């Protein structure tokens, strides 16, 4: 069964197709610096780090100290890990495999 996001539309499809064309970290930096504000990119990066630390069993206080994320952000990421679309689980698993 194919996953169908509630967010899916032609513009978002186009964005994801563009992201899939990136081949190096440098290309990612160049693209995302143009597409996102610094704050947006920092927030996305922070949420991924929060997900990694939650998966490692770190406490909210430890995560807050290490990342500077608010407890609201940590809680949101934790909800996504347990009840979301499994995007975090997918990418964390692939990152572990490297």
PDB file of N, CA and C in Angstrom:
ATOM      1  N   UNK A   1       0.837  -1.175   0.000  1.00  0.00           N
ATOM      2  CA  UNK A   1       0.000   0.000   0.000  1.00  0.00           C
ATOM      3  C   UNK A   1       0.886   1.244   0.000  1.00  0.00           C
ATOM      4  N   UNK A   2       0.606   2.191  -0.840  1.00  0.00           N
ATOM      5  CA  UNK A   2       1.370   3.413  -0.970  1.00  0.00           C
ATOM      6  C   UNK A   2       0.883   4.429   0.048  1.00  0.00           C
ATOM      7  N   UNK A   3       1.850   5.094   0.692  1.00  0.00           N
ATOM      8  CA  UNK A   3       1.515   6.136   1.672  1.00  0.00           C
ATOM      9  C   UNK A   3       1.040   7.386   0.948  1.00  0.00           C
ATOM     10  N   UNK A   4      -0.047   7.952   1.401  1.00  0.00           N
ATOM     11  CA  UNK A   4      -0.573   9.195   0.832  1.00  0.00           C
ATOM     12  C   UNK A   4      -0.656  10.225   1.948  1.00  0.00           C
ATOM     13  N   UNK A   5       0.154  11.266   1.850  1.00  0.00           N
ATOM     14  CA  UNK A   5       0.179  12.320   2.856  1.00  0.00           C
ATOM     15  C   UNK A   5      -1.003  13.255   2.698  1.00  0.00           C
ATOM     16  N   UNK A   6      -1.473  13.775   3.819  1.00  0.00           N
ATOM     17  CA  UNK A   6      -2.515  14.796   3.790  1.00  0.00           C
ATOM     18  C   UNK A   6      -1.969  16.099   3.215  1.00  0.00           C
ATOM     19  N   UNK A   7      -0.649  16.239   3.207  1.00  0.00           N
ATOM     20  CA  UNK A   7      -0.003  17.464   2.715  1.00  0.00           C
ATOM     21  C   UNK A   7       0.326  17.411   1.233  1.00  0.00           C
ATOM     22  N   UNK A   8       0.128  16.264   0.610  1.00  0.00           N
ATOM     23  CA  UNK A   8       0.576  16.080  -0.770  1.00  0.00           C
ATOM     24  C   UNK A   8      -0.157  16.991  -1.735  1.00  0.00           C
ATOM     25  N   UNK A   9       0.627  17.680  -2.537  1.00  0.00           N
ATOM     26  CA  UNK A   9       0.102  18.496  -3.620  1.00  0.00           C
ATOM     27  C   UNK A   9       1.216  18.645  -4.660  1.00  0.00           C
ATOM     28  N   UNK A  10       0.915  19.180  -5.829  1.00  0.00           N
ATOM     29  CA  UNK A  10       1.941  19.265  -6.882  1.00  0.00           C
ATOM     30  C   UNK A  10       3.168  20.093  -6.491  1.00  0.00           C
ATOM     31  N   UNK A  11       2.979  21.170  -5.717  1.00  0.00           N
ATOM     32  CA  UNK A  11       4.121  21.989  -5.312  1.00  0.00           C
ATOM     33  C   UNK A  11       5.054  21.222  -4.378  1.00  0.00           C
ATOM     34  N   UNK A  12       4.466  20.514  -3.417  1.00  0.00           N
ATOM     35  CA  UNK A  12       5.270  19.746  -2.470  1.00  0.00           C
ATOM     36  C   UNK A  12       5.937  18.574  -3.180  1.00  0.00           C
ATOM     37  N   UNK A  13       5.222  17.935  -4.095  1.00  0.00           N
ATOM     38  CA  UNK A  13       5.843  16.882  -4.914  1.00  0.00           C
ATOM     39  C   UNK A  13       7.064  17.428  -5.638  1.00  0.00           C
ATOM     40  N   UNK A  14       6.942  18.621  -6.211  1.00  0.00           N
ATOM     41  CA  UNK A  14       8.058  19.230  -6.923  1.00  0.00           C
ATOM     42  C   UNK A  14       9.235  19.520  -6.015  1.00  0.00           C
ATOM     43  N   UNK A  15       8.947  19.997  -4.800  1.00  0.00           N
ATOM     44  CA  UNK A  15      10.020  20.250  -3.839  1.00  0.00           C
ATOM     45  C   UNK A  15      10.751  18.965  -3.505  1.00  0.00           C
ATOM     46  N   UNK A  16      10.018  17.912  -3.206  1.00  0.00           N
ATOM     47  CA  UNK A  16      10.650  16.648  -2.832  1.00  0.00           C
ATOM     48  C   UNK A  16      11.408  16.027  -3.999  1.00  0.00           C
ATOM     49  N   UNK A  17      10.894  16.178  -5.211  1.00  0.00           N
ATOM     50  CA  UNK A  17      11.633  15.700  -6.378  1.00  0.00           C
ATOM     51  C   UNK A  17      12.957  16.454  -6.499  1.00  0.00           C
ATOM     52  N   UNK A  18      12.934  17.756  -6.239  1.00  0.00           N
ATOM     53  CA  UNK A  18      14.168  18.561  -6.279  1.00  0.00           C
ATOM     54  C   UNK A  18      15.151  18.096  -5.211  1.00  0.00           C
ATOM     55  N   UNK A  19      14.662  17.849  -4.003  1.00  0.00           N
ATOM     56  CA  UNK A  19      15.539  17.407  -2.914  1.00  0.00           C
ATOM     57  C   UNK A  19      16.193  16.071  -3.261  1.00  0.00           C
ATOM     58  N   UNK A  20      15.439  15.190  -3.875  1.00  0.00           N
ATOM     59  CA  UNK A  20      15.987  13.887  -4.258  1.00  0.00           C
ATOM     60  C   UNK A  20      17.088  13.993  -5.313  1.00  0.00           C
ATOM     61  N   UNK A  21      17.192  15.125  -5.988  1.00  0.00           N
ATOM     62  CA  UNK A  21      18.239  15.333  -6.992  1.00  0.00           C
ATOM     63  C   UNK A  21      19.562  15.791  -6.367  1.00  0.00           C
ATOM     64  N   UNK A  22      19.534  16.224  -5.120  1.00  0.00           N
ATOM     65  CA  UNK A  22      20.757  16.680  -4.456  1.00  0.00           C
ATOM     66  C   UNK A  22      21.681  15.489  -4.219  1.00  0.00           C
ATOM     67  N   UNK A  23      22.967  15.681  -4.468  1.00  0.00           N
ATOM     68  CA  UNK A  23      23.907  14.558  -4.401  1.00  0.00           C
ATOM     69  C   UNK A  23      24.960  14.675  -3.310  1.00  0.00           C
ATOM     70  N   UNK A  24      25.223  15.860  -2.812  1.00  0.00           N
ATOM     71  CA  UNK A  24      26.279  16.034  -1.807  1.00  0.00           C
ATOM     72  C   UNK A  24      25.783  16.943  -0.683  1.00  0.00           C
ATOM     73  N   UNK A  25      26.509  16.929   0.433  1.00  0.00           N
ATOM     74  CA  UNK A  25      26.203  17.834   1.541  1.00  0.00           C
ATOM     75  C   UNK A  25      26.311  19.281   1.065  1.00  0.00           C
ATOM     76  N   UNK A  26      27.344  19.574   0.273  1.00  0.00           N
ATOM     77  CA  UNK A  26      27.515  20.941  -0.240  1.00  0.00           C
ATOM     78  C   UNK A  26      26.295  21.369  -1.049  1.00  0.00           C
ATOM     79  N   UNK A  27      25.794  20.496  -1.923  1.00  0.00           N
ATOM     80  CA  UNK A  27      24.604  20.822  -2.699  1.00  0.00           C
ATOM     81  C   UNK A  27      23.407  21.060  -1.788  1.00  0.00           C
ATOM     82  N   UNK A  28      23.288  20.274  -0.734  1.00  0.00           N
ATOM     83  CA  UNK A  28      22.201  20.461   0.230  1.00  0.00           C
ATOM     84  C   UNK A  28      22.299  21.834   0.890  1.00  0.00           C
ATOM     85  N   UNK A  29      23.499  22.193   1.344  1.00  0.00           N
ATOM     86  CA  UNK A  29      23.675  23.516   1.949  1.00  0.00           C
ATOM     87  C   UNK A  29      23.280  24.612   0.967  1.00  0.00           C
ATOM     88  N   UNK A  30      23.745  24.512  -0.253  1.00  0.00           N
ATOM     89  CA  UNK A  30      23.473  25.548  -1.243  1.00  0.00           C
ATOM     90  C   UNK A  30      21.971  25.679  -1.506  1.00  0.00           C
ATOM     91  N   UNK A  31      21.297  24.550  -1.679  1.00  0.00           N
ATOM     92  CA  UNK A  31      19.866  24.564  -1.956  1.00  0.00           C
ATOM     93  C   UNK A  31      19.072  25.064  -0.753  1.00  0.00           C
ATOM     94  N   UNK A  32      19.316  24.475   0.408  1.00  0.00           N
ATOM     95  CA  UNK A  32      18.514  24.816   1.575  1.00  0.00           C
ATOM     96  C   UNK A  32      18.784  26.233   2.074  1.00  0.00           C
ATOM     97  N   UNK A  33      19.991  26.761   1.878  1.00  0.00           N
ATOM     98  CA  UNK A  33      20.248  28.161   2.237  1.00  0.00           C
ATOM     99  C   UNK A  33      19.425  29.097   1.366  1.00  0.00           C
ATOM    100  N   UNK A  34      19.166  28.701   0.130  1.00  0.00           N
ATOM    101  CA  UNK A  34      18.332  29.506  -0.749  1.00  0.00           C
ATOM    102  C   UNK A  34      16.845  29.327  -0.454  1.00  0.00           C
ATOM    103  N   UNK A  35      16.426  28.134  -0.104  1.00  0.00           N
ATOM    104  CA  UNK A  35      15.012  27.817   0.060  1.00  0.00           C
ATOM    105  C   UNK A  35      14.473  28.177   1.445  1.00  0.00           C
ATOM    106  N   UNK A  36      15.292  27.983   2.472  1.00  0.00           N
ATOM    107  CA  UNK A  36      14.847  28.179   3.851  1.00  0.00           C
ATOM    108  C   UNK A  36      15.516  29.398   4.479  1.00  0.00           C
ATOM    109  N   UNK A  37      14.851  29.946   5.474  1.00  0.00           N
ATOM    110  CA  UNK A  37      15.526  30.935   6.305  1.00  0.00           C
ATOM    111  C   UNK A  37      16.489  30.182   7.211  1.00  0.00           C
ATOM    112  N   UNK A  38      17.433  30.891   7.784  1.00  0.00           N
ATOM    113  CA  UNK A  38      18.376  30.267   8.715  1.00  0.00           C
ATOM    114  C   UNK A  38      17.612  29.623   9.865  1.00  0.00           C
ATOM    115  N   UNK A  39      16.627  30.321  10.399  1.00  0.00           N
ATOM    116  CA  UNK A  39      15.845  29.808  11.525  1.00  0.00           C
ATOM    117  C   UNK A  39      15.082  28.538  11.148  1.00  0.00           C
ATOM    118  N   UNK A  40      14.503  28.502   9.954  1.00  0.00           N
ATOM    119  CA  UNK A  40      13.773  27.307   9.512  1.00  0.00           C
ATOM    120  C   UNK A  40      14.715  26.105   9.433  1.00  0.00           C
ATOM    121  N   UNK A  41      15.867  26.309   8.848  1.00  0.00           N
ATOM    122  CA  UNK A  41      16.824  25.215   8.710  1.00  0.00           C
ATOM    123  C   UNK A  41      17.346  24.759  10.066  1.00  0.00           C
ATOM    124  N   UNK A  42      17.608  25.725  10.958  1.00  0.00           N
ATOM    125  CA  UNK A  42      18.049  25.357  12.309  1.00  0.00           C
ATOM    126  C   UNK A  42      16.967  24.583  13.052  1.00  0.00           C
ATOM    127  N   UNK A  43      15.719  24.961  12.871  1.00  0.00           N
ATOM    128  CA  UNK A  43      14.610  24.269  13.540  1.00  0.00           C
ATOM    129  C   UNK A  43      14.458  22.838  13.040  1.00  0.00           C
ATOM    130  N   UNK A  44      14.549  22.652  11.736  1.00  0.00           N
ATOM    131  CA  UNK A  44      14.449  21.302  11.165  1.00  0.00           C
ATOM    132  C   UNK A  44      15.609  20.434  11.661  1.00  0.00           C
ATOM    133  N   UNK A  45      16.809  21.001  11.641  1.00  0.00           N
ATOM    134  CA  UNK A  45      17.997  20.265  12.099  1.00  0.00           C
ATOM    135  C   UNK A  45      17.877  19.907  13.580  1.00  0.00           C
ATOM    136  N   UNK A  46      17.380  20.860  14.357  1.00  0.00           N
ATOM    137  CA  UNK A  46      17.209  20.631  15.788  1.00  0.00           C
ATOM    138  C   UNK A  46      16.220  19.505  16.051  1.00  0.00           C
ATOM    139  N   UNK A  47      15.113  19.485  15.304  1.00  0.00           N
ATOM    140  CA  UNK A  47      14.105  18.440  15.507  1.00  0.00           C
ATOM    141  C   UNK A  47      14.646  17.056  15.176  1.00  0.00           C
ATOM    142  N   UNK A  48      15.482  16.958  14.147  1.00  0.00           N
ATOM    143  CA  UNK A  48      16.085  15.663  13.832  1.00  0.00           C
ATOM    144  C   UNK A  48      17.005  15.222  14.963  1.00  0.00           C
ATOM    145  N   UNK A  49      17.793  16.136  15.502  1.00  0.00           N
ATOM    146  CA  UNK A  49      18.680  15.797  16.627  1.00  0.00           C
ATOM    147  C   UNK A  49      17.862  15.386  17.846  1.00  0.00           C
ATOM    148  N   UNK A  50      16.761  16.071  18.101  1.00  0.00           N
ATOM    149  CA  UNK A  50      15.865  15.705  19.211  1.00  0.00           C
ATOM    150  C   UNK A  50      15.352  14.280  19.007  1.00  0.00           C
ATOM    151  N   UNK A  51      14.952  13.948  17.795  1.00  0.00           N
ATOM    152  CA  UNK A  51      14.459  12.593  17.506  1.00  0.00           C
ATOM    153  C   UNK A  51      15.544  11.556  17.782  1.00  0.00           C
ATOM    154  N   UNK A  52      16.778  11.836  17.370  1.00  0.00           N
ATOM    155  CA  UNK A  52      17.889  10.909  17.632  1.00  0.00           C
ATOM    156  C   UNK A  52      18.059  10.687  19.127  1.00  0.00           C
ATOM    157  N   UNK A  53      18.043  11.767  19.883  1.00  0.00           N
ATOM    158  CA  UNK A  53      18.260  11.669  21.325  1.00  0.00           C
ATOM    159  C   UNK A  53      17.096  10.975  22.028  1.00  0.00           C
ATOM    160  N   UNK A  54      15.877  11.226  21.584  1.00  0.00           N
ATOM    161  CA  UNK A  54      14.730  10.508  22.160  1.00  0.00           C
ATOM    162  C   UNK A  54      14.854   9.016  21.900  1.00  0.00           C
ATOM    163  N   UNK A  55      15.254   8.669  20.685  1.00  0.00           N
ATOM    164  CA  UNK A  55      15.418   7.254  20.346  1.00  0.00           C
ATOM    165  C   UNK A  55      16.495   6.603  21.217  1.00  0.00           C
ATOM    166  N   UNK A  56      17.506   7.382  21.593  1.00  0.00           N
ATOM    167  CA  UNK A  56      18.569   6.885  22.477  1.00  0.00           C
ATOM    168  C   UNK A  56      18.125   6.792  23.930  1.00  0.00           C
ATOM    169  N   UNK A  57      16.914   7.273  24.229  1.00  0.00           N
ATOM    170  CA  UNK A  57      16.384   7.189  25.591  1.00  0.00           C
ATOM    171  C   UNK A  57      16.777   8.344  26.488  1.00  0.00           C
ATOM    172  N   UNK A  58      17.245   9.438  25.915  1.00  0.00           N
ATOM    173  CA  UNK A  58      17.617  10.610  26.721  1.00  0.00           C
ATOM    174  C   UNK A  58      16.365  11.260  27.293  1.00  0.00           C
ATOM    175  N   UNK A  59      16.529  11.924  28.431  1.00  0.00           N
ATOM    176  CA  UNK A  59      15.414  12.615  29.076  1.00  0.00           C
ATOM    177  C   UNK A  59      15.190  13.973  28.413  1.00  0.00           C
ATOM    178  N   UNK A  60      14.009  14.532  28.662  1.00  0.00           N
ATOM    179  CA  UNK A  60      13.710  15.861  28.120  1.00  0.00           C
ATOM    180  C   UNK A  60      14.758  16.874  28.590  1.00  0.00           C
ATOM    181  N   UNK A  61      15.146  16.805  29.864  1.00  0.00           N
ATOM    182  CA  UNK A  61      16.139  17.754  30.384  1.00  0.00           C
ATOM    183  C   UNK A  61      17.481  17.601  29.681  1.00  0.00           C
ATOM    184  N   UNK A  62      17.912  16.373  29.448  1.00  0.00           N
ATOM    185  CA  UNK A  62      19.170  16.142  28.747  1.00  0.00           C
ATOM    186  C   UNK A  62      19.091  16.692  27.317  1.00  0.00           C
ATOM    187  N   UNK A  63      17.962  16.458  26.667  1.00  0.00           N
ATOM    188  CA  UNK A  63      17.783  16.917  25.286  1.00  0.00           C
ATOM    189  C   UNK A  63      17.736  18.445  25.232  1.00  0.00           C
ATOM    190  N   UNK A  64      17.027  19.035  26.172  1.00  0.00           N
ATOM    191  CA  UNK A  64      16.932  20.495  26.233  1.00  0.00           C
ATOM    192  C   UNK A  64      18.324  21.108  26.428  1.00  0.00           C
ATOM    193  N   UNK A  65      19.115  20.514  27.330  1.00  0.00           N
ATOM    194  CA  UNK A  65      20.475  21.010  27.588  1.00  0.00           C
ATOM    195  C   UNK A  65      21.365  20.884  26.361  1.00  0.00           C
ATOM    196  N   UNK A  66      21.267  19.759  25.660  1.00  0.00           N
ATOM    197  CA  UNK A  66      22.151  19.508  24.521  1.00  0.00           C
ATOM    198  C   UNK A  66      21.759  20.300  23.276  1.00  0.00           C
ATOM    199  N   UNK A  67      20.451  20.443  23.029  1.00  0.00           N
ATOM    200  CA  UNK A  67      19.998  21.030  21.761  1.00  0.00           C
ATOM    201  C   UNK A  67      19.438  22.439  21.890  1.00  0.00           C
ATOM    202  N   UNK A  68      19.024  22.813  23.086  1.00  0.00           N
ATOM    203  CA  UNK A  68      18.355  24.094  23.265  1.00  0.00           C
ATOM    204  C   UNK A  68      16.890  24.063  22.864  1.00  0.00           C
ATOM    205  N   UNK A  69      16.381  22.894  22.515  1.00  0.00           N
ATOM    206  CA  UNK A  69      14.978  22.758  22.124  1.00  0.00           C
ATOM    207  C   UNK A  69      14.073  22.956  23.332  1.00  0.00           C
ATOM    208  N   UNK A  70      12.928  23.554  23.097  1.00  0.00           N
ATOM    209  CA  UNK A  70      11.947  23.720  24.171  1.00  0.00           C
ATOM    210  C   UNK A  70      11.289  22.378  24.470  1.00  0.00           C
ATOM    211  N   UNK A  71      10.691  22.286  25.647  1.00  0.00           N
ATOM    212  CA  UNK A  71       9.986  21.047  25.985  1.00  0.00           C
ATOM    213  C   UNK A  71       8.809  20.841  25.039  1.00  0.00           C
ATOM    214  N   UNK A  72       8.217  21.923  24.537  1.00  0.00           N
ATOM    215  CA  UNK A  72       7.120  21.793  23.571  1.00  0.00           C
ATOM    216  C   UNK A  72       7.613  21.147  22.274  1.00  0.00           C
ATOM    217  N   UNK A  73       8.797  21.550  21.811  1.00  0.00           N
ATOM    218  CA  UNK A  73       9.369  20.953  20.600  1.00  0.00           C
ATOM    219  C   UNK A  73       9.712  19.493  20.839  1.00  0.00           C
ATOM    220  N   UNK A  74      10.313  19.206  21.975  1.00  0.00           N
ATOM    221  CA  UNK A  74      10.677  17.821  22.304  1.00  0.00           C
ATOM    222  C   UNK A  74       9.424  16.955  22.361  1.00  0.00           C
ATOM    223  N   UNK A  75       8.381  17.469  22.976  1.00  0.00           N
ATOM    224  CA  UNK A  75       7.119  16.736  23.083  1.00  0.00           C
ATOM    225  C   UNK A  75       6.507  16.493  21.703  1.00  0.00           C
ATOM    226  N   UNK A  76       6.559  17.495  20.837  1.00  0.00           N
ATOM    227  CA  UNK A  76       6.012  17.349  19.477  1.00  0.00           C
ATOM    228  C   UNK A  76       6.758  16.271  18.706  1.00  0.00           C
ATOM    229  N   UNK A  77       8.095  16.286  18.794  1.00  0.00           N
ATOM    230  CA  UNK A  77       8.894  15.267  18.108  1.00  0.00           C
ATOM    231  C   UNK A  77       8.589  13.893  18.688  1.00  0.00           C
ATOM    232  N   UNK A  78       8.459  13.815  20.002  1.00  0.00           N
ATOM    233  CA  UNK A  78       8.150  12.547  20.650  1.00  0.00           C
ATOM    234  C   UNK A  78       6.799  12.003  20.171  1.00  0.00           C
ATOM    235  N   UNK A  79       5.809  12.877  20.049  1.00  0.00           N
ATOM    236  CA  UNK A  79       4.493  12.462  19.522  1.00  0.00           C
ATOM    237  C   UNK A  79       4.633  11.920  18.103  1.00  0.00           C
ATOM    238  N   UNK A  80       5.433  12.607  17.286  1.00  0.00           N
ATOM    239  CA  UNK A  80       5.645  12.146  15.908  1.00  0.00           C
ATOM    240  C   UNK A  80       6.328  10.779  15.885  1.00  0.00           C
ATOM    241  N   UNK A  81       7.264  10.568  16.778  1.00  0.00           N
ATOM    242  CA  UNK A  81       7.949   9.272  16.838  1.00  0.00           C
ATOM    243  C   UNK A  81       6.969   8.150  17.169  1.00  0.00           C
ATOM    244  N   UNK A  82       5.988   8.444  18.013  1.00  0.00           N
ATOM    245  CA  UNK A  82       5.053   7.404  18.440  1.00  0.00           C
ATOM    246  C   UNK A  82       3.781   7.319  17.595  1.00  0.00           C
ATOM    247  N   UNK A  83       3.317   8.469  17.102  1.00  0.00           N
ATOM    248  CA  UNK A  83       2.008   8.495  16.444  1.00  0.00           C
ATOM    249  C   UNK A  83       2.027   9.137  15.059  1.00  0.00           C
ATOM    250  N   UNK A  84       3.195   9.464  14.552  1.00  0.00           N
ATOM    251  CA  UNK A  84       3.295  10.169  13.279  1.00  0.00           C
ATOM    252  C   UNK A  84       3.300   9.230  12.083  1.00  0.00           C
ATOM    253  N   UNK A  85       3.829   9.739  10.992  1.00  0.00           N
ATOM    254  CA  UNK A  85       3.847   9.017   9.720  1.00  0.00           C
ATOM    255  C   UNK A  85       5.069   8.115   9.577  1.00  0.00           C
ATOM    256  N   UNK A  86       5.825   7.943  10.650  1.00  0.00           N
ATOM    257  CA  UNK A  86       7.032   7.100  10.688  1.00  0.00           C
ATOM    258  C   UNK A  86       8.194   7.646   9.865  1.00  0.00           C
ATOM    259  N   UNK A  87       8.153   8.926   9.536  1.00  0.00           N
ATOM    260  CA  UNK A  87       9.254   9.546   8.804  1.00  0.00           C
ATOM    261  C   UNK A  87      10.541   9.582   9.609  1.00  0.00           C
ATOM    262  N   UNK A  88      10.431   9.953  10.883  1.00  0.00           N
ATOM    263  CA  UNK A  88      11.615   9.951  11.738  1.00  0.00           C
ATOM    264  C   UNK A  88      12.189   8.542  11.856  1.00  0.00           C
ATOM    265  N   UNK A  89      11.315   7.574  12.108  1.00  0.00           N
ATOM    266  CA  UNK A  89      11.780   6.187  12.248  1.00  0.00           C
ATOM    267  C   UNK A  89      12.505   5.721  10.998  1.00  0.00           C
ATOM    268  N   UNK A  90      11.965   6.053   9.846  1.00  0.00           N
ATOM    269  CA  UNK A  90      12.571   5.666   8.576  1.00  0.00           C
ATOM    270  C   UNK A  90      13.976   6.244   8.435  1.00  0.00           C
ATOM    271  N   UNK A  91      14.111   7.540   8.637  1.00  0.00           N
ATOM    272  CA  UNK A  91      15.410   8.170   8.414  1.00  0.00           C
ATOM    273  C   UNK A  91      16.398   7.798   9.510  1.00  0.00           C
ATOM    274  N   UNK A  92      15.959   7.667  10.751  1.00  0.00           N
ATOM    275  CA  UNK A  92      16.878   7.271  11.822  1.00  0.00           C
ATOM    276  C   UNK A  92      17.404   5.860  11.590  1.00  0.00           C
ATOM    277  N   UNK A  93      16.558   4.976  11.106  1.00  0.00           N
ATOM    278  CA  UNK A  93      16.979   3.617  10.785  1.00  0.00           C
ATOM    279  C   UNK A  93      18.026   3.642   9.681  1.00  0.00           C
ATOM    280  N   UNK A  94      17.798   4.435   8.657  1.00  0.00           N
ATOM    281  CA  UNK A  94      18.760   4.524   7.547  1.00  0.00           C
ATOM    282  C   UNK A  94      20.070   5.157   7.993  1.00  0.00           C
ATOM    283  N   UNK A  95      19.995   6.124   8.860  1.00  0.00           N
ATOM    284  CA  UNK A  95      21.219   6.753   9.371  1.00  0.00           C
ATOM    285  C   UNK A  95      22.031   5.768  10.211  1.00  0.00           C
ATOM    286  N   UNK A  96      21.336   4.924  10.968  1.00  0.00           N
ATOM    287  CA  UNK A  96      22.018   3.896  11.755  1.00  0.00           C
ATOM    288  C   UNK A  96      22.712   2.879  10.893  1.00  0.00           C
ATOM    289  N   UNK A  97      22.121   2.583   9.733  1.00  0.00           N
ATOM    290  CA  UNK A  97      22.671   1.577   8.827  1.00  0.00           C
ATOM    291  C   UNK A  97      23.968   2.013   8.157  1.00  0.00           C
ATOM    292  N   UNK A  98      24.234   3.331   8.172  1.00  0.00           N
ATOM    293  CA  UNK A  98      25.450   3.836   7.503  1.00  0.00           C
ATOM    294  C   UNK A  98      26.698   3.528   8.285  1.00  0.00           C
TER     295      UNK A  98
END
